[in-house]
């Protein structure tokens, strides 16, 4: 039998709390818990002491300023609905990707 936080067996867990579902999912995948905290622009880390440096180093490696080409950029529309144009572009992009994949297969 697997020991889970607070000694609760999987069949007994109540996932009405979204935090509990995230924690359970992370526990099953690895021994490291990373939870985003968007309001603080931070990541809550739960990891064994011997893995903490590795996790912090990886976060430092990934936490870099995005180049100008990779940043989001607004395009002001003069006549069309932004929602409609976004939907049309997503549909076009999806069909273009499928066509490319079909040709390369």
N, C-alpha and C. Protein backbone atom coordinates (compact mmCIF):
# COMPACT_ATOMS: atom_id res chain seq x y z
N UNK A 1 0.84 -1.19 0.00
CA UNK A 1 0.00 0.00 0.00
C UNK A 1 0.88 1.24 0.00
N UNK A 2 0.52 2.21 -0.83
CA UNK A 2 1.29 3.44 -0.95
C UNK A 2 0.86 4.42 0.14
N UNK A 3 1.84 5.03 0.79
CA UNK A 3 1.56 6.03 1.81
C UNK A 3 1.48 7.39 1.12
N UNK A 4 0.38 8.08 1.32
CA UNK A 4 0.16 9.39 0.71
C UNK A 4 0.16 10.45 1.80
N UNK A 5 0.18 11.74 1.42
CA UNK A 5 0.15 12.80 2.44
C UNK A 5 -1.04 12.63 3.38
N UNK A 6 -0.81 12.87 4.62
CA UNK A 6 -1.81 12.78 5.68
C UNK A 6 -2.35 11.38 5.86
N UNK A 7 -1.67 10.36 5.31
CA UNK A 7 -2.05 8.98 5.52
C UNK A 7 -3.36 8.58 4.86
N UNK A 8 -3.75 9.24 3.79
CA UNK A 8 -5.01 8.94 3.11
C UNK A 8 -4.73 8.01 1.94
N UNK A 9 -5.45 6.92 1.86
CA UNK A 9 -5.30 5.99 0.74
C UNK A 9 -5.99 6.56 -0.49
N UNK A 10 -5.56 6.18 -1.72
CA UNK A 10 -6.15 6.74 -2.94
C UNK A 10 -7.66 6.62 -3.01
N UNK A 11 -8.24 5.52 -2.55
CA UNK A 11 -9.69 5.33 -2.63
C UNK A 11 -10.42 6.30 -1.70
N UNK A 12 -9.73 6.79 -0.67
CA UNK A 12 -10.37 7.66 0.30
C UNK A 12 -10.24 9.14 -0.05
N UNK A 13 -9.40 9.48 -1.03
CA UNK A 13 -9.13 10.88 -1.30
C UNK A 13 -10.34 11.60 -1.86
N UNK A 14 -10.51 12.82 -1.46
CA UNK A 14 -11.60 13.67 -1.91
C UNK A 14 -10.99 14.78 -2.77
N UNK A 15 -11.34 14.80 -4.06
CA UNK A 15 -10.74 15.77 -4.96
C UNK A 15 -11.64 16.98 -5.18
N UNK A 16 -12.49 17.29 -4.24
CA UNK A 16 -13.26 18.52 -4.36
C UNK A 16 -12.35 19.73 -4.20
N UNK A 17 -11.25 19.55 -3.51
CA UNK A 17 -10.26 20.60 -3.35
C UNK A 17 -9.29 20.51 -4.53
N UNK A 18 -9.22 21.52 -5.43
CA UNK A 18 -8.34 21.43 -6.59
C UNK A 18 -6.87 21.30 -6.20
N UNK A 19 -6.48 21.89 -5.08
CA UNK A 19 -5.10 21.78 -4.62
C UNK A 19 -4.74 20.33 -4.36
N UNK A 20 -5.65 19.58 -3.76
CA UNK A 20 -5.39 18.17 -3.46
C UNK A 20 -5.19 17.37 -4.73
N UNK A 21 -5.96 17.67 -5.77
CA UNK A 21 -5.82 16.95 -7.04
C UNK A 21 -4.46 17.23 -7.66
N UNK A 22 -4.01 18.49 -7.61
CA UNK A 22 -2.70 18.85 -8.17
C UNK A 22 -1.59 18.15 -7.40
N UNK A 23 -1.68 18.20 -6.09
CA UNK A 23 -0.65 17.56 -5.26
C UNK A 23 -0.60 16.06 -5.53
N UNK A 24 -1.76 15.41 -5.59
CA UNK A 24 -1.79 13.97 -5.84
C UNK A 24 -1.18 13.65 -7.19
N UNK A 25 -1.50 14.43 -8.20
CA UNK A 25 -0.95 14.20 -9.54
C UNK A 25 0.56 14.34 -9.53
N UNK A 26 1.08 15.37 -8.85
CA UNK A 26 2.52 15.58 -8.77
C UNK A 26 3.20 14.45 -8.00
N UNK A 27 2.58 13.99 -6.92
CA UNK A 27 3.17 12.92 -6.12
C UNK A 27 3.29 11.64 -6.96
N UNK A 28 2.28 11.36 -7.77
CA UNK A 28 2.33 10.16 -8.59
C UNK A 28 3.39 10.26 -9.67
N UNK A 29 3.67 11.47 -10.19
CA UNK A 29 4.61 11.62 -11.29
C UNK A 29 6.05 11.68 -10.82
N UNK A 30 6.32 12.31 -9.70
CA UNK A 30 7.70 12.44 -9.24
C UNK A 30 7.73 12.80 -7.77
N UNK A 31 8.94 12.95 -7.25
CA UNK A 31 9.08 13.34 -5.86
C UNK A 31 9.23 14.85 -5.72
N UNK A 32 9.03 15.59 -6.81
CA UNK A 32 9.14 17.05 -6.79
C UNK A 32 7.77 17.64 -7.09
N UNK A 33 7.35 18.62 -6.29
CA UNK A 33 6.09 19.31 -6.50
C UNK A 33 6.40 20.74 -6.91
N UNK A 34 5.89 21.16 -8.06
CA UNK A 34 6.03 22.54 -8.52
C UNK A 34 4.63 23.09 -8.73
N UNK A 35 4.31 24.14 -8.00
CA UNK A 35 2.98 24.73 -8.13
C UNK A 35 3.13 26.21 -8.50
N UNK A 36 2.55 26.61 -9.64
CA UNK A 36 2.65 28.02 -10.03
C UNK A 36 1.81 28.91 -9.12
N UNK A 37 2.35 30.08 -8.81
CA UNK A 37 1.64 31.09 -8.03
C UNK A 37 1.59 32.35 -8.89
N UNK A 38 0.62 32.44 -9.81
CA UNK A 38 0.60 33.54 -10.78
C UNK A 38 0.56 34.93 -10.16
N UNK A 39 -0.18 35.11 -9.09
CA UNK A 39 -0.28 36.45 -8.49
C UNK A 39 1.07 36.94 -7.96
N UNK A 40 1.89 36.02 -7.49
CA UNK A 40 3.20 36.40 -6.97
C UNK A 40 4.28 36.25 -8.04
N UNK A 41 3.90 35.74 -9.22
CA UNK A 41 4.86 35.43 -10.28
C UNK A 41 5.97 34.56 -9.70
N UNK A 42 5.57 33.47 -9.06
CA UNK A 42 6.50 32.60 -8.36
C UNK A 42 6.10 31.14 -8.54
N UNK A 43 6.98 30.26 -8.11
CA UNK A 43 6.72 28.82 -8.13
C UNK A 43 6.98 28.29 -6.73
N UNK A 44 6.00 27.59 -6.19
CA UNK A 44 6.15 26.94 -4.89
C UNK A 44 6.79 25.58 -5.15
N UNK A 45 7.91 25.32 -4.51
CA UNK A 45 8.66 24.08 -4.73
C UNK A 45 8.56 23.20 -3.49
N UNK A 46 8.23 21.95 -3.71
CA UNK A 46 8.27 20.94 -2.66
C UNK A 46 9.14 19.81 -3.17
N UNK A 47 10.31 19.66 -2.59
CA UNK A 47 11.25 18.66 -3.08
C UNK A 47 12.14 18.20 -1.93
N UNK A 48 12.68 17.00 -2.05
CA UNK A 48 13.65 16.56 -1.06
C UNK A 48 14.86 17.49 -1.06
N UNK A 49 15.49 17.65 0.08
CA UNK A 49 16.63 18.57 0.21
C UNK A 49 17.73 18.27 -0.82
N UNK A 50 17.95 16.98 -1.11
CA UNK A 50 19.03 16.64 -2.04
C UNK A 50 18.69 16.97 -3.50
N UNK A 51 17.43 17.30 -3.81
CA UNK A 51 17.05 17.67 -5.17
C UNK A 51 16.77 19.16 -5.32
N UNK A 52 16.73 19.89 -4.22
CA UNK A 52 16.37 21.30 -4.26
C UNK A 52 17.32 22.12 -5.12
N UNK A 53 18.62 21.90 -5.01
CA UNK A 53 19.59 22.66 -5.81
C UNK A 53 19.38 22.39 -7.30
N UNK A 54 19.13 21.16 -7.67
CA UNK A 54 18.90 20.81 -9.07
C UNK A 54 17.65 21.53 -9.60
N UNK A 55 16.60 21.56 -8.81
CA UNK A 55 15.36 22.22 -9.22
C UNK A 55 15.59 23.72 -9.36
N UNK A 56 16.25 24.34 -8.38
CA UNK A 56 16.52 25.78 -8.44
C UNK A 56 17.40 26.12 -9.64
N UNK A 57 18.41 25.31 -9.91
CA UNK A 57 19.29 25.55 -11.06
C UNK A 57 18.51 25.49 -12.37
N UNK A 58 17.58 24.54 -12.49
CA UNK A 58 16.79 24.42 -13.72
C UNK A 58 15.85 25.62 -13.86
N UNK A 59 15.27 26.07 -12.77
CA UNK A 59 14.41 27.26 -12.82
C UNK A 59 15.23 28.48 -13.24
N UNK A 60 16.42 28.63 -12.67
CA UNK A 60 17.29 29.76 -13.05
C UNK A 60 17.66 29.70 -14.53
N UNK A 61 17.88 28.50 -15.05
CA UNK A 61 18.24 28.34 -16.46
C UNK A 61 17.08 28.75 -17.37
N UNK A 62 15.85 28.45 -16.94
CA UNK A 62 14.68 28.75 -17.75
C UNK A 62 14.14 30.17 -17.54
N UNK A 63 14.48 30.79 -16.43
CA UNK A 63 13.95 32.11 -16.08
C UNK A 63 14.81 33.20 -16.73
N UNK A 64 14.62 33.38 -18.02
CA UNK A 64 15.36 34.39 -18.77
C UNK A 64 14.37 35.28 -19.51
N UNK A 65 14.80 36.49 -19.81
CA UNK A 65 13.94 37.41 -20.55
C UNK A 65 13.74 36.88 -21.97
N UNK A 66 12.51 36.95 -22.42
CA UNK A 66 12.17 36.48 -23.76
C UNK A 66 12.65 37.51 -24.78
N UNK A 67 13.25 37.04 -25.87
CA UNK A 67 13.71 37.96 -26.91
C UNK A 67 12.51 38.64 -27.54
N UNK A 68 12.74 39.74 -28.23
CA UNK A 68 11.67 40.50 -28.87
C UNK A 68 10.84 39.66 -29.81
N UNK A 69 11.46 38.73 -30.53
CA UNK A 69 10.74 37.90 -31.48
C UNK A 69 9.79 36.94 -30.78
N UNK A 70 10.07 36.57 -29.56
CA UNK A 70 9.25 35.59 -28.85
C UNK A 70 8.15 36.20 -28.00
N UNK A 71 8.11 37.52 -27.91
CA UNK A 71 7.11 38.17 -27.06
C UNK A 71 5.79 38.35 -27.81
N UNK A 72 4.73 38.38 -27.05
CA UNK A 72 3.41 38.64 -27.62
C UNK A 72 3.34 40.08 -28.10
N UNK A 73 2.63 40.27 -29.19
CA UNK A 73 2.55 41.60 -29.78
C UNK A 73 1.10 41.85 -30.24
N UNK A 74 0.50 42.95 -29.84
CA UNK A 74 -0.88 43.20 -30.25
C UNK A 74 -0.96 43.65 -31.72
N UNK A 75 -2.01 43.22 -32.40
CA UNK A 75 -2.31 43.67 -33.75
C UNK A 75 -3.69 44.33 -33.69
N UNK A 76 -3.75 45.62 -33.88
CA UNK A 76 -5.01 46.35 -33.78
C UNK A 76 -5.81 46.14 -35.05
N UNK A 77 -7.05 45.70 -34.90
CA UNK A 77 -7.93 45.48 -36.04
C UNK A 77 -8.81 46.72 -36.24
N UNK A 78 -8.99 47.10 -37.50
CA UNK A 78 -9.76 48.30 -37.80
C UNK A 78 -11.23 47.99 -38.04
N UNK A 79 -11.54 46.80 -38.59
CA UNK A 79 -12.92 46.52 -38.96
C UNK A 79 -13.46 45.20 -38.41
N UNK A 80 -12.68 44.18 -38.41
CA UNK A 80 -13.15 42.84 -38.05
C UNK A 80 -13.16 42.63 -36.54
N UNK A 81 -13.97 41.66 -36.11
CA UNK A 81 -14.04 41.27 -34.71
C UNK A 81 -12.77 40.48 -34.36
N UNK A 82 -12.15 40.84 -33.25
CA UNK A 82 -10.93 40.15 -32.83
C UNK A 82 -11.19 38.67 -32.57
N UNK A 83 -12.33 38.35 -31.98
CA UNK A 83 -12.67 36.94 -31.69
C UNK A 83 -12.81 36.15 -32.98
N UNK A 84 -13.47 36.74 -33.98
CA UNK A 84 -13.66 36.06 -35.26
C UNK A 84 -12.33 35.84 -35.99
N UNK A 85 -11.51 36.88 -36.03
CA UNK A 85 -10.21 36.76 -36.71
C UNK A 85 -9.34 35.73 -35.99
N UNK A 86 -9.34 35.73 -34.66
CA UNK A 86 -8.54 34.76 -33.91
C UNK A 86 -8.99 33.33 -34.23
N UNK A 87 -10.30 33.11 -34.29
CA UNK A 87 -10.82 31.78 -34.62
C UNK A 87 -10.41 31.37 -36.03
N UNK A 88 -10.52 32.28 -36.98
CA UNK A 88 -10.16 31.97 -38.36
C UNK A 88 -8.68 31.64 -38.49
N UNK A 89 -7.83 32.40 -37.80
CA UNK A 89 -6.38 32.14 -37.85
C UNK A 89 -6.06 30.79 -37.22
N UNK A 90 -6.69 30.48 -36.08
CA UNK A 90 -6.44 29.19 -35.44
C UNK A 90 -6.87 28.04 -36.32
N UNK A 91 -8.02 28.18 -36.99
CA UNK A 91 -8.48 27.13 -37.90
C UNK A 91 -7.54 26.99 -39.08
N UNK A 92 -7.11 28.10 -39.64
CA UNK A 92 -6.18 28.06 -40.78
C UNK A 92 -4.85 27.42 -40.35
N UNK A 93 -4.34 27.84 -39.20
CA UNK A 93 -3.07 27.30 -38.72
C UNK A 93 -3.17 25.80 -38.47
N UNK A 94 -4.28 25.37 -37.88
CA UNK A 94 -4.47 23.94 -37.63
C UNK A 94 -4.52 23.14 -38.92
N UNK A 95 -5.22 23.65 -39.92
CA UNK A 95 -5.28 22.92 -41.20
C UNK A 95 -3.94 22.95 -41.91
N UNK A 96 -3.19 24.05 -41.80
CA UNK A 96 -1.87 24.13 -42.43
C UNK A 96 -0.91 23.12 -41.80
N UNK A 97 -0.94 22.97 -40.49
CA UNK A 97 -0.08 22.01 -39.79
C UNK A 97 -0.45 20.59 -40.20
N UNK A 98 -1.75 20.29 -40.27
CA UNK A 98 -2.17 18.95 -40.69
C UNK A 98 -1.70 18.64 -42.11
N UNK A 99 -1.76 19.65 -43.00
CA UNK A 99 -1.31 19.46 -44.38
C UNK A 99 0.18 19.18 -44.43
N UNK A 100 0.94 19.91 -43.66
CA UNK A 100 2.40 19.71 -43.62
C UNK A 100 2.72 18.30 -43.09
N UNK A 101 2.06 17.91 -42.03
CA UNK A 101 2.30 16.57 -41.45
C UNK A 101 1.92 15.48 -42.41
N UNK A 102 0.83 15.66 -43.16
CA UNK A 102 0.39 14.66 -44.13
C UNK A 102 1.40 14.53 -45.26
N UNK A 103 1.93 15.64 -45.72
CA UNK A 103 2.92 15.62 -46.81
C UNK A 103 4.23 14.98 -46.39
N UNK A 104 4.63 15.20 -45.13
CA UNK A 104 5.92 14.65 -44.67
C UNK A 104 5.82 13.18 -44.27
N UNK A 105 4.62 12.66 -44.13
CA UNK A 105 4.45 11.27 -43.69
C UNK A 105 4.63 10.30 -44.83
